[in-house]
Amino acid sequence: MQTNELVAFVADKVDDMKARDIVTLDVRNKSNVTNYMIICSGTSNRHTKSIAGYLAAEVKKIGLQPLGIEGEASGEWVLLDLGDVVVHVMLEESRNFYQLEKLWGA
């Protein structure tokens, strides 16, 4: 799967789970770790965990294995590393505090 197809796939899957404020950031010229970041919000710890769990299951169905998943225990900020795409599923409070869009989008 090409990177742009993976970005579209991930955005579609988090949207399926009713994630809020889905933002895709192209960080190819700003990071040597990944090419894209997708940031979205869940409405509760359970919701963020559900979004992340669903996404992990869906990428496995298409033959991809997440390189890592962090933050599942608390659910405040769950990060899924898919290689060329890193997904941040955050509670609104955490998202407002860390302001990843401002950090990486500027």
Protein backbone atom coordinates (compact mmCIF):
# COMPACT_ATOMS: atom_id res chain seq x y z
CA MET A 1 0.00 0.00 0.00
CA GLN A 2 1.33 3.40 -0.97
CA THR A 3 1.74 6.04 1.73
CA ASN A 4 -1.03 8.28 0.36
CA GLU A 5 -3.38 5.26 0.28
CA LEU A 6 -2.47 4.45 3.89
CA VAL A 7 -3.18 8.05 4.94
CA ALA A 8 -6.63 7.89 3.30
CA PHE A 9 -7.29 4.44 4.80
CA VAL A 10 -6.39 5.58 8.32
CA ALA A 11 -8.45 8.77 8.06
CA ASP A 12 -11.43 6.74 6.84
CA LYS A 13 -11.13 4.18 9.65
CA VAL A 14 -10.87 6.72 12.48
CA ASP A 15 -13.84 8.51 10.92
CA ASP A 16 -15.75 5.19 11.03
CA MET A 17 -15.27 5.27 14.81
CA LYS A 18 -16.56 8.85 15.06
CA ALA A 19 -13.20 10.42 15.87
CA ARG A 20 -13.43 14.20 16.00
CA ASP A 21 -11.36 16.90 14.31
CA ILE A 22 -9.28 14.60 12.09
CA VAL A 23 -6.18 16.43 10.84
CA THR A 24 -3.49 15.11 8.51
CA LEU A 25 -0.06 16.75 8.68
CA ASP A 26 2.62 16.28 6.05
CA VAL A 27 5.86 16.22 8.07
CA ARG A 28 8.20 14.85 5.37
CA ASN A 29 10.34 18.00 5.50
CA LYS A 30 10.21 18.26 9.31
CA SER A 31 10.76 14.73 10.58
CA ASN A 32 13.03 11.84 9.76
CA VAL A 33 10.82 9.47 11.78
CA THR A 34 7.62 9.54 9.69
CA ASN A 35 6.09 11.17 6.64
CA TYR A 36 2.59 11.93 7.91
CA MET A 37 0.84 12.42 11.22
CA ILE A 38 -2.86 11.98 11.66
CA ILE A 39 -4.27 13.59 14.78
CA CYS A 40 -7.81 13.06 16.00
CA SER A 41 -9.80 13.32 19.20
CA GLY A 42 -11.93 10.91 21.16
CA THR A 43 -14.66 11.94 23.55
CA SER A 44 -13.49 9.77 26.46
CA ASN A 45 -10.67 7.44 27.48
CA ARG A 46 -12.78 4.49 26.36
CA HIS A 47 -13.45 6.17 23.01
CA THR A 48 -9.75 6.86 22.32
CA LYS A 49 -8.89 3.26 23.19
CA SER A 50 -11.68 2.00 20.94
CA ILE A 51 -10.56 4.14 18.01
CA ALA A 52 -6.97 2.95 18.38
CA GLY A 53 -7.95 -0.69 18.84
CA TYR A 54 -10.22 -0.62 15.80
CA LEU A 55 -7.53 1.01 13.68
CA ALA A 56 -4.92 -1.53 14.78
CA ALA A 57 -7.27 -4.39 13.87
CA GLU A 58 -8.13 -2.85 10.50
CA VAL A 59 -4.51 -2.31 9.44
CA LYS A 60 -3.76 -5.92 10.37
CA LYS A 61 -6.58 -7.02 8.05
CA ILE A 62 -4.77 -5.38 5.12
CA GLY A 63 -1.49 -7.04 6.04
CA LEU A 64 0.21 -4.27 8.01
CA GLN A 65 1.53 -4.70 11.51
CA PRO A 66 1.74 -1.58 13.70
CA LEU A 67 5.37 -0.94 14.67
CA GLY A 68 4.18 0.16 18.08
CA ILE A 69 1.18 1.23 20.10
CA GLU A 70 1.67 3.45 23.14
CA GLY A 71 -0.73 4.89 25.71
CA GLU A 72 -3.49 2.29 25.54
CA ALA A 73 -3.56 1.86 29.31
CA SER A 74 -4.57 5.44 30.09
CA GLY A 75 -6.40 6.31 26.89
CA GLU A 76 -5.55 10.00 27.19
CA TRP A 77 -3.21 9.86 24.20
CA VAL A 78 -2.83 6.70 22.15
CA LEU A 79 -0.11 6.65 19.51
CA LEU A 80 -0.03 4.10 16.70
CA ASP A 81 3.18 3.90 14.70
CA LEU A 82 2.46 2.62 11.21
CA GLY A 83 5.86 3.58 9.81
CA ASP A 84 5.18 6.26 7.19
CA VAL A 85 2.10 7.31 9.15
CA VAL A 86 1.92 7.99 12.89
CA VAL A 87 -1.57 8.30 14.36
CA HIS A 88 -2.31 10.28 17.53
CA VAL A 89 -5.70 9.61 19.13
CA MET A 90 -6.09 12.11 21.95
CA LEU A 91 -8.56 13.40 24.46
CA GLU A 92 -9.45 17.01 23.72
CA GLU A 93 -7.71 18.21 26.90
CA SER A 94 -4.45 16.49 25.94
CA ARG A 95 -4.71 17.73 22.38
CA ASN A 96 -5.18 21.32 23.55
CA PHE A 97 -2.26 21.02 25.96
CA TYR A 98 0.29 19.50 23.55
CA GLN A 99 -0.88 21.36 20.42
CA LEU A 100 0.74 18.96 17.96
CA GLU A 101 -0.84 20.74 15.00
CA LYS A 102 0.89 23.95 16.01
CA LEU A 103 4.18 22.16 16.73
CA TRP A 104 4.35 20.15 13.50
CA GLY A 105 2.15 22.22 11.21
CA ALA A 106 3.97 25.52 11.60
